[in-house]
Amino acid sequence: MTKIKGTIQVTERLYEILNMISEQKKNREPSGHLARFARLIDPVIIAAFYGLYKSRELPPLEEEEIKLDNSYEFNVDISDFTDIFNHFLFCLWVKENGLPDESKDMMKYRQQLYHFISKLLDGKYFLGVILPFYLKRADESESESTSSFLHRLASSDKIGIVLQDYSPEFLAKEFSLIQNEFISDVIAPLGGSARA
């Protein structure tokens, strides 16, 4: 079980989103798209998945903690989320390192695999490195002409019904697209199920 009990590192933009949602829920009359999140942890989970899908990078294994702009306190079980997330990370690791029968040095392959799995199963590493690593990726702009996913998510609350890249519909479509690209690139070639 992976439970966030205490603070996790979040970017400045995600911190603003969490505070906006929290404030709207306190008002008992939630308004705006962000207020529709059932749980406060949901934007964190969405941003982490987006960061993984978009970057297709493995987290740094030798880091012990990644510090971001802010921290936010939670007390929530995220086991369902971490099981899926770790599955995707494992598939990405196998894609980058190959299958066992492709290895020239089986002992080295096994050591690297066990080391990676031990990191995935370490709750402290998951909360201190994996989550902040991908949250940071979700808050990075791809170019000077585009804004980050988290920036657009924060702005989606003020967009009304105008359809543009800040719109909730556009963000949902983009999220779905990069998820499908990630799955077909990372999981399908390994013979895995291409389910979303």
Protein backbone atom coordinates (compact mmCIF):
# COMPACT_ATOMS: atom_id res chain seq x y z
CA MET A 1 0.00 0.00 0.00
CA THR A 2 1.28 3.45 -0.92
CA LYS A 3 -0.16 6.10 1.32
CA ILE A 4 0.71 9.76 1.17
CA LYS A 5 0.69 10.79 4.78
CA GLY A 6 2.40 14.12 5.07
CA THR A 7 3.82 16.48 2.50
CA ILE A 8 4.86 15.90 -1.10
CA GLN A 9 6.83 18.25 -3.31
CA VAL A 10 4.74 20.09 -5.90
CA THR A 11 5.47 22.78 -8.46
CA GLU A 12 4.32 26.35 -7.92
CA ARG A 13 1.60 25.94 -10.55
CA LEU A 14 0.25 22.72 -9.02
CA TYR A 15 0.31 24.35 -5.59
CA GLU A 16 -1.91 27.14 -6.99
CA ILE A 17 -4.30 24.56 -8.49
CA LEU A 18 -4.56 22.66 -5.19
CA ASN A 19 -5.24 25.87 -3.27
CA MET A 20 -7.90 26.96 -5.79
CA ILE A 21 -9.68 23.61 -5.51
CA SER A 22 -9.44 23.62 -1.72
CA GLU A 23 -10.83 27.14 -1.53
CA GLN A 24 -13.71 26.33 -3.88
CA LYS A 25 -14.64 23.25 -1.84
CA LYS A 26 -14.65 25.30 1.36
CA ASN A 27 -17.15 27.72 -0.18
CA ARG A 28 -19.69 24.87 -0.43
CA GLU A 29 -20.73 26.23 -3.81
CA PRO A 30 -18.07 24.85 -6.12
CA SER A 31 -17.72 26.70 -9.38
CA GLY A 32 -15.37 26.23 -12.28
CA HIS A 33 -13.92 23.09 -13.82
CA LEU A 34 -11.26 22.49 -11.17
CA ALA A 35 -13.85 22.29 -8.39
CA ARG A 36 -15.21 19.15 -10.04
CA PHE A 37 -12.21 17.08 -8.96
CA ALA A 38 -13.58 14.49 -6.54
CA ARG A 39 -10.37 14.37 -4.48
CA LEU A 40 -7.61 16.89 -3.96
CA ILE A 41 -5.03 14.27 -4.97
CA ASP A 42 -6.59 13.90 -8.45
CA PRO A 43 -4.73 16.79 -10.15
CA VAL A 44 -1.47 15.44 -8.69
CA ILE A 45 -2.19 12.01 -10.17
CA ILE A 46 -3.21 13.46 -13.54
CA ALA A 47 -0.10 15.65 -13.70
CA ALA A 48 2.20 12.75 -12.77
CA PHE A 49 0.73 10.53 -15.48
CA TYR A 50 0.97 13.38 -18.00
CA GLY A 51 4.62 13.95 -17.08
CA LEU A 52 5.40 10.26 -17.59
CA TYR A 53 3.50 9.97 -20.88
CA LYS A 54 4.99 13.15 -22.32
CA SER A 55 8.61 12.71 -21.21
CA ARG A 56 8.91 8.92 -21.56
CA GLU A 57 11.87 9.19 -19.19
CA LEU A 58 12.77 6.97 -16.28
CA PRO A 59 13.23 8.75 -12.94
CA PRO A 60 16.76 9.23 -11.60
CA LEU A 61 17.50 6.09 -9.58
CA GLU A 62 20.26 7.52 -7.42
CA GLU A 63 18.35 10.58 -6.20
CA GLU A 64 16.97 10.45 -2.69
CA GLU A 65 14.70 13.47 -2.93
CA ILE A 66 13.72 16.02 -5.53
CA LYS A 67 12.88 19.44 -4.13
CA LEU A 68 10.31 21.55 -5.94
CA ASP A 69 8.91 25.02 -5.28
CA ASN A 70 6.33 24.03 -2.67
CA SER A 71 4.97 21.12 -0.71
CA TYR A 72 1.38 20.13 0.03
CA GLU A 73 0.05 17.91 2.78
CA PHE A 74 -2.08 14.85 2.03
CA ASN A 75 -3.44 11.86 3.90
CA VAL A 76 -4.66 9.53 1.19
CA ASP A 77 -4.14 6.00 -0.12
CA ILE A 78 -2.95 6.05 -3.74
CA SER A 79 -2.23 2.31 -4.14
CA ASP A 80 -4.46 1.87 -7.21
CA PHE A 81 -2.62 4.71 -8.88
CA THR A 82 0.88 3.53 -7.96
CA ASP A 83 0.21 -0.02 -9.20
CA ILE A 84 -0.66 1.26 -12.68
CA PHE A 85 2.10 3.87 -12.63
CA ASN A 86 4.72 1.29 -11.62
CA HIS A 87 3.49 -1.02 -14.37
CA PHE A 88 4.09 1.75 -16.93
CA LEU A 89 7.51 2.51 -15.43
CA PHE A 90 8.45 -1.17 -15.59
CA CYS A 91 7.38 -1.37 -19.25
CA LEU A 92 9.45 1.74 -20.00
CA TRP A 93 12.46 0.19 -18.24
CA VAL A 94 12.15 -3.03 -20.28
CA LYS A 95 11.80 -1.01 -23.49
CA GLU A 96 15.02 0.86 -22.68
CA ASN A 97 16.97 -2.16 -21.38
CA GLY A 98 15.58 -4.93 -23.54
CA LEU A 99 14.20 -8.32 -22.58
CA PRO A 100 16.35 -10.80 -20.61
CA ASP A 101 17.10 -12.99 -23.63
CA GLU A 102 18.59 -9.95 -25.39
CA SER A 103 21.12 -9.32 -22.62
CA LYS A 104 24.79 -10.14 -23.15
CA ASP A 105 25.50 -10.05 -19.41
CA MET A 106 22.64 -11.75 -17.57
CA MET A 107 24.08 -11.08 -14.11
CA LYS A 108 24.37 -7.34 -14.77
CA TYR A 109 20.88 -7.25 -16.31
CA ARG A 110 19.45 -8.99 -13.27
CA GLN A 111 21.22 -6.62 -10.85
CA GLN A 112 19.93 -3.57 -12.72
CA LEU A 113 16.41 -5.00 -12.85
CA TYR A 114 16.33 -5.83 -9.14
CA HIS A 115 17.71 -2.41 -8.28
CA PHE A 116 14.99 -0.75 -10.39
CA ILE A 117 12.20 -2.88 -8.89
CA SER A 118 13.44 -2.18 -5.36
CA LYS A 119 13.16 1.55 -6.12
CA LEU A 120 9.60 1.17 -7.44
CA LEU A 121 8.59 -0.67 -4.28
CA ASP A 122 10.17 1.93 -1.98
CA GLY A 123 7.32 4.21 -0.86
CA LYS A 124 9.73 6.91 0.26
CA TYR A 125 11.42 6.95 -3.15
CA PHE A 126 8.03 7.01 -4.90
CA LEU A 127 6.87 10.07 -2.95
CA GLY A 128 10.25 11.82 -2.77
CA VAL A 129 11.57 11.25 -6.30
CA ILE A 130 9.12 9.66 -8.73
CA LEU A 131 6.15 11.98 -8.08
CA PRO A 132 8.15 15.25 -8.05
CA PHE A 133 10.13 14.17 -11.14
CA TYR A 134 7.00 13.71 -13.25
CA LEU A 135 5.14 16.66 -11.74
CA LYS A 136 8.05 18.83 -12.85
CA ARG A 137 7.84 17.33 -16.36
CA ALA A 138 4.12 18.18 -16.51
CA ASP A 139 4.96 21.79 -15.65
CA GLU A 140 7.56 22.23 -18.39
CA SER A 141 6.76 24.00 -21.65
CA GLU A 142 7.73 22.21 -24.83
CA SER A 143 8.64 25.44 -26.58
CA GLU A 144 8.44 29.18 -26.12
CA SER A 145 5.14 29.29 -27.98
CA THR A 146 3.38 26.70 -25.81
CA SER A 147 2.61 26.66 -22.11
CA SER A 148 2.90 23.69 -19.78
CA PHE A 149 0.11 21.22 -19.16
CA LEU A 150 -0.25 22.44 -15.56
CA HIS A 151 -0.37 26.08 -16.65
CA ARG A 152 -3.19 25.24 -19.07
CA LEU A 153 -4.95 23.13 -16.44
CA ALA A 154 -4.86 26.05 -13.99
CA SER A 155 -6.16 28.42 -16.67
CA SER A 156 -8.92 26.03 -17.78
CA ASP A 157 -11.02 27.17 -14.83
CA LYS A 158 -11.37 30.64 -16.33
CA ILE A 159 -11.85 29.72 -19.97
CA GLY A 160 -15.64 29.48 -20.14
CA ILE A 161 -16.96 27.80 -23.26
CA VAL A 162 -14.29 29.06 -25.68
CA LEU A 163 -12.53 26.11 -27.30
CA GLN A 164 -8.77 26.58 -27.22
CA ASP A 165 -5.78 24.73 -25.82
CA TYR A 166 -6.69 25.83 -22.27
CA SER A 167 -10.16 24.28 -22.55
CA PRO A 168 -10.90 21.20 -20.41
CA GLU A 169 -12.05 19.36 -23.55
CA PHE A 170 -8.80 20.13 -25.34
CA LEU A 171 -6.70 19.06 -22.34
CA ALA A 172 -8.66 15.81 -22.02
CA LYS A 173 -8.16 15.10 -25.72
CA GLU A 174 -4.44 15.87 -25.50
CA PHE A 175 -4.07 13.69 -22.40
CA SER A 176 -5.82 10.80 -24.14
CA LEU A 177 -3.67 11.22 -27.25
CA ILE A 178 -0.32 11.17 -25.44
CA GLN A 179 -1.51 8.25 -23.28
CA ASN A 180 -2.32 6.23 -26.40
CA GLU A 181 1.02 7.18 -27.97
CA PHE A 182 2.86 6.13 -24.80
CA ILE A 183 1.01 2.81 -24.61
CA SER A 184 1.58 1.96 -28.28
CA ASP A 185 5.25 2.97 -28.09
CA VAL A 186 6.17 1.43 -24.74
CA ILE A 187 3.74 -1.37 -23.96
CA ALA A 188 2.43 -2.76 -27.25
CA PRO A 189 5.91 -3.63 -28.66
CA LEU A 190 6.53 -5.77 -25.56
CA GLY A 191 3.52 -7.92 -26.35
CA GLY A 192 1.45 -6.34 -23.59
CA SER A 193 -2.18 -5.42 -23.71
CA ALA A 194 -2.73 -1.99 -25.21
CA ARG A 195 -5.55 -1.10 -22.85
CA ALA A 196 -5.83 2.41 -21.49
